[in-house]
All heavy atoms as atom14 arrays in JSON, in Angstrom:
{
  "sequence": "SAFRQQIKSKGLEYHELTKAPLYLFVGKNSPLYRKK",
  "atom14_mask": [
    [1, 1, 1, 1, 1, 1, 0, 0, 0, 0, 0, 0, 0, 0],
    [1, 1, 1, 1, 1, 0, 0, 0, 0, 0, 0, 0, 0, 0],
    [1, 1, 1, 1, 1, 1, 1, 1, 1, 1, 1, 0, 0, 0],
    [1, 1, 1, 1, 1, 1, 1, 1, 1, 1, 1, 0, 0, 0],
    [1, 1, 1, 1, 1, 1, 1, 1, 1, 0, 0, 0, 0, 0],
    [1, 1, 1, 1, 1, 1, 1, 1, 1, 0, 0, 0, 0, 0],
    [1, 1, 1, 1, 1, 1, 1, 1, 0, 0, 0, 0, 0, 0],
    [1, 1, 1, 1, 1, 1, 1, 1, 1, 0, 0, 0, 0, 0],
    [1, 1, 1, 1, 1, 1, 0, 0, 0, 0, 0, 0, 0, 0],
    [1, 1, 1, 1, 1, 1, 1, 1, 1, 0, 0, 0, 0, 0],
    [1, 1, 1, 1, 0, 0, 0, 0, 0, 0, 0, 0, 0, 0],
    [1, 1, 1, 1, 1, 1, 1, 1, 0, 0, 0, 0, 0, 0],
    [1, 1, 1, 1, 1, 1, 1, 1, 1, 0, 0, 0, 0, 0],
    [1, 1, 1, 1, 1, 1, 1, 1, 1, 1, 1, 1, 0, 0],
    [1, 1, 1, 1, 1, 1, 1, 1, 1, 1, 0, 0, 0, 0],
    [1, 1, 1, 1, 1, 1, 1, 1, 1, 0, 0, 0, 0, 0],
    [1, 1, 1, 1, 1, 1, 1, 1, 0, 0, 0, 0, 0, 0],
    [1, 1, 1, 1, 1, 1, 1, 0, 0, 0, 0, 0, 0, 0],
    [1, 1, 1, 1, 1, 1, 1, 1, 1, 0, 0, 0, 0, 0],
    [1, 1, 1, 1, 1, 0, 0, 0, 0, 0, 0, 0, 0, 0],
    [1, 1, 1, 1, 1, 1, 1, 0, 0, 0, 0, 0, 0, 0],
    [1, 1, 1, 1, 1, 1, 1, 1, 0, 0, 0, 0, 0, 0],
    [1, 1, 1, 1, 1, 1, 1, 1, 1, 1, 1, 1, 0, 0],
    [1, 1, 1, 1, 1, 1, 1, 1, 0, 0, 0, 0, 0, 0],
    [1, 1, 1, 1, 1, 1, 1, 1, 1, 1, 1, 0, 0, 0],
    [1, 1, 1, 1, 1, 1, 1, 0, 0, 0, 0, 0, 0, 0],
    [1, 1, 1, 1, 0, 0, 0, 0, 0, 0, 0, 0, 0, 0],
    [1, 1, 1, 1, 1, 1, 1, 1, 1, 0, 0, 0, 0, 0],
    [1, 1, 1, 1, 1, 1, 1, 1, 0, 0, 0, 0, 0, 0],
    [1, 1, 1, 1, 1, 1, 0, 0, 0, 0, 0, 0, 0, 0],
    [1, 1, 1, 1, 1, 1, 1, 0, 0, 0, 0, 0, 0, 0],
    [1, 1, 1, 1, 1, 1, 1, 1, 0, 0, 0, 0, 0, 0],
    [1, 1, 1, 1, 1, 1, 1, 1, 1, 1, 1, 1, 0, 0],
    [1, 1, 1, 1, 1, 1, 1, 1, 1, 1, 1, 0, 0, 0],
    [1, 1, 1, 1, 1, 1, 1, 1, 1, 0, 0, 0, 0, 0],
    [1, 1, 1, 1, 1, 1, 1, 1, 1, 0, 0, 0, 0, 0]
  ],
  "atom14_positions": [
    [[0.83, -1.21, 0.0], [0.0, 0.0, 0.0], [0.86, 1.26, 0.0], [0.64, 2.18, -0.79], [-0.93, 0.01, 1.22], [-1.7, 1.2, 1.24], [0.0, 0.0, 0.0], [0.0, 0.0, 0.0], [0.0, 0.0, 0.0], [0.0, 0.0, 0.0], [0.0, 0.0, 0.0], [0.0, 0.0, 0.0], [0.0, 0.0, 0.0], [0.0, 0.0, 0.0]],
    [[1.89, 1.29, 0.87], [2.79, 2.45, 0.94], [3.58, 2.58, -0.36], [3.82, 3.7, -0.84], [3.73, 2.32, 2.13], [0.0, 0.0, 0.0], [0.0, 0.0, 0.0], [0.0, 0.0, 0.0], [0.0, 0.0, 0.0], [0.0, 0.0, 0.0], [0.0, 0.0, 0.0], [0.0, 0.0, 0.0], [0.0, 0.0, 0.0], [0.0, 0.0, 0.0]],
    [[3.99, 1.45, -0.92], [4.74, 1.45, -2.17], [3.92, 2.03, -3.32], [4.38, 2.91, -4.05], [5.17, 0.01, -2.5], [5.74, -0.17, -3.88], [7.0, 0.31, -4.2], [5.01, -0.82, -4.86], [7.53, 0.15, -5.47], [5.53, -1.0, -6.13], [6.79, -0.51, -6.44], [0.0, 0.0, 0.0], [0.0, 0.0, 0.0], [0.0, 0.0, 0.0]],
    [[2.68, 1.57, -3.46], [1.82, 2.07, -4.55], [1.53, 3.56, -4.39], [1.48, 4.31, -5.37], [0.52, 1.27, -4.6], [0.7, -0.15, -5.12], [-0.65, -0.79, -5.42], [-0.54, -2.17, -5.89], [-0.3, -2.51, -7.14], [-0.15, -1.55, -8.07], [-0.22, -3.78, -7.51], [0.0, 0.0, 0.0], [0.0, 0.0, 0.0], [0.0, 0.0, 0.0]],
    [[1.35, 3.99, -3.16], [1.08, 5.41, -2.92], [2.29, 6.26, -3.3], [2.14, 7.33, -3.9], [0.73, 5.62, -1.44], [0.33, 7.05, -1.11], [-0.11, 7.2, 0.34], [-0.12, 6.24, 1.11], [-0.49, 8.4, 0.72], [0.0, 0.0, 0.0], [0.0, 0.0, 0.0], [0.0, 0.0, 0.0], [0.0, 0.0, 0.0], [0.0, 0.0, 0.0]],
    [[3.47, 5.76, -2.98], [4.68, 6.52, -3.29], [4.92, 6.63, -4.79], [5.23, 7.71, -5.3], [5.89, 5.87, -2.62], [7.18, 6.66, -2.82], [8.33, 6.12, -2.02], [9.48, 6.07, -2.48], [8.07, 5.71, -0.79], [0.0, 0.0, 0.0], [0.0, 0.0, 0.0], [0.0, 0.0, 0.0], [0.0, 0.0, 0.0], [0.0, 0.0, 0.0]],
    [[4.77, 5.53, -5.52], [5.05, 5.6, -6.95], [3.97, 6.37, -7.69], [4.24, 7.01, -8.71], [5.25, 4.19, -7.56], [3.97, 3.36, -7.49], [6.4, 3.47, -6.9], [4.04, 2.07, -8.28], [0.0, 0.0, 0.0], [0.0, 0.0, 0.0], [0.0, 0.0, 0.0], [0.0, 0.0, 0.0], [0.0, 0.0, 0.0], [0.0, 0.0, 0.0]],
    [[2.74, 6.33, -7.18], [1.64, 7.09, -7.82], [1.94, 8.57, -7.79], [1.68, 9.3, -8.76], [0.32, 6.79, -7.11], [-0.87, 7.5, -7.75], [-2.17, 7.16, -7.01], [-3.35, 7.88, -7.63], [-4.62, 7.57, -6.91], [0.0, 0.0, 0.0], [0.0, 0.0, 0.0], [0.0, 0.0, 0.0], [0.0, 0.0, 0.0], [0.0, 0.0, 0.0]],
    [[2.52, 9.04, -6.68], [2.84, 10.47, -6.55], [3.93, 10.9, -7.52], [4.11, 12.09, -7.78], [3.27, 10.79, -5.11], [4.53, 10.2, -4.8], [0.0, 0.0, 0.0], [0.0, 0.0, 0.0], [0.0, 0.0, 0.0], [0.0, 0.0, 0.0], [0.0, 0.0, 0.0], [0.0, 0.0, 0.0], [0.0, 0.0, 0.0], [0.0, 0.0, 0.0]],
    [[4.67, 9.93, -8.06], [5.75, 10.23, -9.0], [5.36, 9.91, -10.45], [6.22, 9.9, -11.34], [7.01, 9.46, -8.62], [7.6, 9.88, -7.28], [8.87, 9.12, -6.97], [9.47, 9.57, -5.64], [9.92, 10.97, -5.67], [0.0, 0.0, 0.0], [0.0, 0.0, 0.0], [0.0, 0.0, 0.0], [0.0, 0.0, 0.0], [0.0, 0.0, 0.0]],
    [[4.08, 9.63, -10.67], [3.63, 9.34, -12.02], [4.06, 7.98, -12.53], [4.2, 7.78, -13.73], [0.0, 0.0, 0.0], [0.0, 0.0, 0.0], [0.0, 0.0, 0.0], [0.0, 0.0, 0.0], [0.0, 0.0, 0.0], [0.0, 0.0, 0.0], [0.0, 0.0, 0.0], [0.0, 0.0, 0.0], [0.0, 0.0, 0.0], [0.0, 0.0, 0.0]],
    [[4.26, 7.02, -11.62], [4.69, 5.68, -11.99], [3.57, 4.67, -11.7], [2.66, 4.95, -10.94], [5.95, 5.28, -11.21], [7.13, 6.24, -11.24], [8.24, 5.73, -10.33], [7.62, 6.44, -12.66], [0.0, 0.0, 0.0], [0.0, 0.0, 0.0], [0.0, 0.0, 0.0], [0.0, 0.0, 0.0], [0.0, 0.0, 0.0], [0.0, 0.0, 0.0]],
    [[3.66, 3.52, -12.31], [2.7, 2.45, -12.03], [3.44, 1.12, -11.91], [4.52, 0.94, -12.48], [1.64, 2.37, -13.13], [2.18, 2.12, -14.52], [1.09, 2.18, -15.59], [-0.03, 2.66, -15.28], [1.36, 1.75, -16.74], [0.0, 0.0, 0.0], [0.0, 0.0, 0.0], [0.0, 0.0, 0.0], [0.0, 0.0, 0.0], [0.0, 0.0, 0.0]],
    [[2.83, 0.2, -11.17], [3.45, -1.1, -10.89], [2.66, -2.21, -11.56], [1.43, -2.23, -11.52], [3.5, -1.35, -9.38], [4.03, -2.71, -8.98], [5.37, -3.02, -9.18], [3.2, -3.66, -8.41], [5.87, -4.27, -8.82], [3.7, -4.91, -8.04], [5.04, -5.2, -8.25], [5.53, -6.43, -7.89], [0.0, 0.0, 0.0], [0.0, 0.0, 0.0]],
    [[3.39, -3.13, -12.2], [2.77, -4.3, -12.83], [3.38, -5.55, -12.23], [4.59, -5.79, -12.34], [3.01, -4.27, -14.34], [2.39, -3.1, -15.03], [1.16, -3.17, -15.64], [2.82, -1.82, -15.17], [0.86, -1.98, -16.15], [1.84, -1.15, -15.89], [0.0, 0.0, 0.0], [0.0, 0.0, 0.0], [0.0, 0.0, 0.0], [0.0, 0.0, 0.0]],
    [[2.55, -6.36, -11.6], [3.03, -7.58, -10.97], [3.25, -8.68, -12.0], [2.43, -8.87, -12.9], [2.04, -8.05, -9.91], [2.48, -9.28, -9.15], [1.48, -9.69, -8.1], [1.52, -9.11, -6.98], [0.65, -10.58, -8.39], [0.0, 0.0, 0.0], [0.0, 0.0, 0.0], [0.0, 0.0, 0.0], [0.0, 0.0, 0.0], [0.0, 0.0, 0.0]],
    [[4.34, -9.41, -11.86], [4.63, -10.56, -12.72], [4.31, -11.88, -12.04], [3.79, -12.8, -12.65], [6.1, -10.54, -13.14], [6.51, -9.43, -14.11], [8.02, -9.4, -14.27], [5.84, -9.62, -15.47], [0.0, 0.0, 0.0], [0.0, 0.0, 0.0], [0.0, 0.0, 0.0], [0.0, 0.0, 0.0], [0.0, 0.0, 0.0], [0.0, 0.0, 0.0]],
    [[4.6, -11.96, -10.74], [4.33, -13.19, -10.0], [4.44, -12.92, -8.51], [4.86, -11.84, -8.09], [5.32, -14.3, -10.4], [4.93, -15.53, -9.81], [6.74, -13.96, -9.97], [0.0, 0.0, 0.0], [0.0, 0.0, 0.0], [0.0, 0.0, 0.0], [0.0, 0.0, 0.0], [0.0, 0.0, 0.0], [0.0, 0.0, 0.0], [0.0, 0.0, 0.0]],
    [[4.05, -13.91, -7.71], [4.19, -13.84, -6.26], [5.07, -15.0, -5.8], [5.16, -16.03, -6.47], [2.83, -13.93, -5.57], [1.99, -12.66, -5.61], [0.78, -12.82, -4.71], [0.05, -11.49, -4.55], [-0.7, -11.13, -5.76], [0.0, 0.0, 0.0], [0.0, 0.0, 0.0], [0.0, 0.0, 0.0], [0.0, 0.0, 0.0], [0.0, 0.0, 0.0]],
    [[5.69, -14.82, -4.64], [6.59, -15.86, -4.13], [6.68, -15.78, -2.62], [6.35, -14.76, -2.01], [7.98, -15.69, -4.74], [0.0, 0.0, 0.0], [0.0, 0.0, 0.0], [0.0, 0.0, 0.0], [0.0, 0.0, 0.0], [0.0, 0.0, 0.0], [0.0, 0.0, 0.0], [0.0, 0.0, 0.0], [0.0, 0.0, 0.0], [0.0, 0.0, 0.0]],
    [[7.13, -16.85, -1.98], [7.3, -16.85, -0.52], [8.66, -16.3, -0.1], [9.54, -16.06, -0.93], [7.2, -18.33, -0.17], [7.76, -19.02, -1.39], [7.34, -18.18, -2.56], [0.0, 0.0, 0.0], [0.0, 0.0, 0.0], [0.0, 0.0, 0.0], [0.0, 0.0, 0.0], [0.0, 0.0, 0.0], [0.0, 0.0, 0.0], [0.0, 0.0, 0.0]],
    [[8.82, -16.11, 1.2], [10.1, -15.71, 1.78], [10.91, -16.95, 2.15], [10.35, -17.99, 2.49], [9.89, -14.87, 3.03], [9.54, -13.39, 2.87], [9.32, -12.78, 4.25], [10.65, -12.65, 2.15], [0.0, 0.0, 0.0], [0.0, 0.0, 0.0], [0.0, 0.0, 0.0], [0.0, 0.0, 0.0], [0.0, 0.0, 0.0], [0.0, 0.0, 0.0]],
    [[12.23, -16.78, 2.1], [13.14, -17.86, 2.5], [14.19, -17.3, 3.47], [14.53, -16.11, 3.42], [13.87, -18.45, 1.3], [13.04, -19.41, 0.48], [12.1, -18.94, -0.42], [13.21, -20.79, 0.61], [11.33, -19.83, -1.19], [12.45, -21.68, -0.15], [11.52, -21.19, -1.04], [10.77, -22.06, -1.78], [0.0, 0.0, 0.0], [0.0, 0.0, 0.0]],
    [[14.69, -18.17, 4.3], [15.85, -17.87, 5.13], [17.04, -18.57, 4.5], [17.01, -19.79, 4.28], [15.67, -18.36, 6.56], [16.91, -18.25, 7.46], [17.23, -16.79, 7.75], [16.71, -19.03, 8.77], [0.0, 0.0, 0.0], [0.0, 0.0, 0.0], [0.0, 0.0, 0.0], [0.0, 0.0, 0.0], [0.0, 0.0, 0.0], [0.0, 0.0, 0.0]],
    [[18.09, -17.81, 4.18], [19.29, -18.38, 3.58], [20.37, -18.52, 4.65], [20.71, -17.54, 5.31], [19.78, -17.48, 2.44], [18.8, -17.38, 1.31], [17.83, -16.39, 1.29], [18.83, -18.28, 0.27], [16.92, -16.3, 0.26], [17.92, -18.21, -0.77], [16.96, -17.21, -0.78], [0.0, 0.0, 0.0], [0.0, 0.0, 0.0], [0.0, 0.0, 0.0]],
    [[20.88, -19.73, 4.82], [21.89, -19.99, 5.85], [22.97, -20.92, 5.33], [22.75, -21.71, 4.4], [21.27, -20.61, 7.13], [20.33, -19.62, 7.81], [20.54, -21.9, 6.79], [0.0, 0.0, 0.0], [0.0, 0.0, 0.0], [0.0, 0.0, 0.0], [0.0, 0.0, 0.0], [0.0, 0.0, 0.0], [0.0, 0.0, 0.0], [0.0, 0.0, 0.0]],
    [[24.15, -20.81, 5.94], [25.25, -21.72, 5.65], [25.35, -22.8, 6.71], [24.56, -22.85, 7.66], [0.0, 0.0, 0.0], [0.0, 0.0, 0.0], [0.0, 0.0, 0.0], [0.0, 0.0, 0.0], [0.0, 0.0, 0.0], [0.0, 0.0, 0.0], [0.0, 0.0, 0.0], [0.0, 0.0, 0.0], [0.0, 0.0, 0.0], [0.0, 0.0, 0.0]],
    [[26.36, -23.66, 6.6], [26.48, -24.81, 7.49], [26.79, -24.42, 8.93], [26.65, -25.25, 9.85], [27.56, -25.75, 6.96], [27.17, -26.4, 5.63], [28.23, -27.37, 5.13], [27.79, -28.01, 3.81], [28.8, -28.95, 3.27], [0.0, 0.0, 0.0], [0.0, 0.0, 0.0], [0.0, 0.0, 0.0], [0.0, 0.0, 0.0], [0.0, 0.0, 0.0]],
    [[27.23, -23.18, 9.16], [27.52, -22.75, 10.53], [26.29, -22.26, 11.27], [26.36, -21.94, 12.45], [28.57, -21.63, 10.51], [29.93, -22.12, 10.08], [30.37, -23.2, 10.5], [30.61, -21.37, 9.24], [0.0, 0.0, 0.0], [0.0, 0.0, 0.0], [0.0, 0.0, 0.0], [0.0, 0.0, 0.0], [0.0, 0.0, 0.0], [0.0, 0.0, 0.0]],
    [[25.17, -22.19, 10.59], [23.94, -21.73, 11.23], [23.28, -22.86, 12.02], [23.22, -24.0, 11.55], [22.96, -21.21, 10.18], [21.68, -20.99, 10.76], [0.0, 0.0, 0.0], [0.0, 0.0, 0.0], [0.0, 0.0, 0.0], [0.0, 0.0, 0.0], [0.0, 0.0, 0.0], [0.0, 0.0, 0.0], [0.0, 0.0, 0.0], [0.0, 0.0, 0.0]],
    [[22.75, -22.55, 13.2], [22.05, -23.58, 13.99], [20.76, -24.05, 13.32], [20.2, -25.08, 13.7], [21.76, -22.87, 15.31], [21.79, -21.41, 14.98], [22.82, -21.26, 13.91], [0.0, 0.0, 0.0], [0.0, 0.0, 0.0], [0.0, 0.0, 0.0], [0.0, 0.0, 0.0], [0.0, 0.0, 0.0], [0.0, 0.0, 0.0], [0.0, 0.0, 0.0]],
    [[20.3, -23.33, 12.3], [19.05, -23.68, 11.62], [19.3, -24.42, 10.3], [18.34, -24.73, 9.57], [18.22, -22.42, 11.35], [17.82, -21.59, 12.56], [17.04, -20.36, 12.13], [16.99, -22.42, 13.53], [0.0, 0.0, 0.0], [0.0, 0.0, 0.0], [0.0, 0.0, 0.0], [0.0, 0.0, 0.0], [0.0, 0.0, 0.0], [0.0, 0.0, 0.0]],
    [[20.54, -24.73, 10.01], [20.9, -25.26, 8.68], [20.14, -26.54, 8.33], [19.77, -26.74, 7.17], [22.4, -25.53, 8.62], [22.88, -26.02, 7.27], [23.02, -25.13, 6.2], [23.17, -27.37, 7.04], [23.44, -25.56, 4.95], [23.59, -27.81, 5.8], [23.73, -26.9, 4.76], [24.14, -27.34, 3.53], [0.0, 0.0, 0.0], [0.0, 0.0, 0.0]],
    [[19.88, -27.39, 9.28], [19.24, -28.68, 8.99], [17.71, -28.62, 9.03], [17.03, -29.63, 8.83], [19.75, -29.76, 9.95], [21.25, -29.99, 9.81], [21.72, -31.22, 10.58], [23.16, -31.41, 10.43], [23.74, -31.96, 9.37], [23.0, -32.39, 8.36], [25.05, -32.09, 9.31], [0.0, 0.0, 0.0], [0.0, 0.0, 0.0], [0.0, 0.0, 0.0]],
    [[17.18, -27.46, 9.27], [15.73, -27.3, 9.31], [15.13, -27.39, 7.9], [15.71, -26.89, 6.94], [15.35, -25.96, 9.92], [15.75, -25.79, 11.38], [14.78, -26.52, 12.28], [15.07, -26.23, 13.75], [14.13, -26.93, 14.65], [0.0, 0.0, 0.0], [0.0, 0.0, 0.0], [0.0, 0.0, 0.0], [0.0, 0.0, 0.0], [0.0, 0.0, 0.0]],
    [[13.97, -28.03, 7.8], [13.27, -28.09, 6.5], [12.41, -26.86, 6.28], [12.13, -26.48, 5.15], [12.41, -29.35, 6.44], [13.23, -30.64, 6.4], [12.33, -31.85, 6.25], [13.17, -33.13, 6.17], [12.31, -34.34, 6.02], [0.0, 0.0, 0.0], [0.0, 0.0, 0.0], [0.0, 0.0, 0.0], [0.0, 0.0, 0.0], [0.0, 0.0, 0.0]]
  ]
}
């Protein structure tokens, strides 16, 4: 909502291509590395 309001004030528009989930990226030293 804040993003669309900001770009509208600048004469811009947004076109969505797709949606996706968030991920946590970790290396082998992370205590969460083996989590699914």
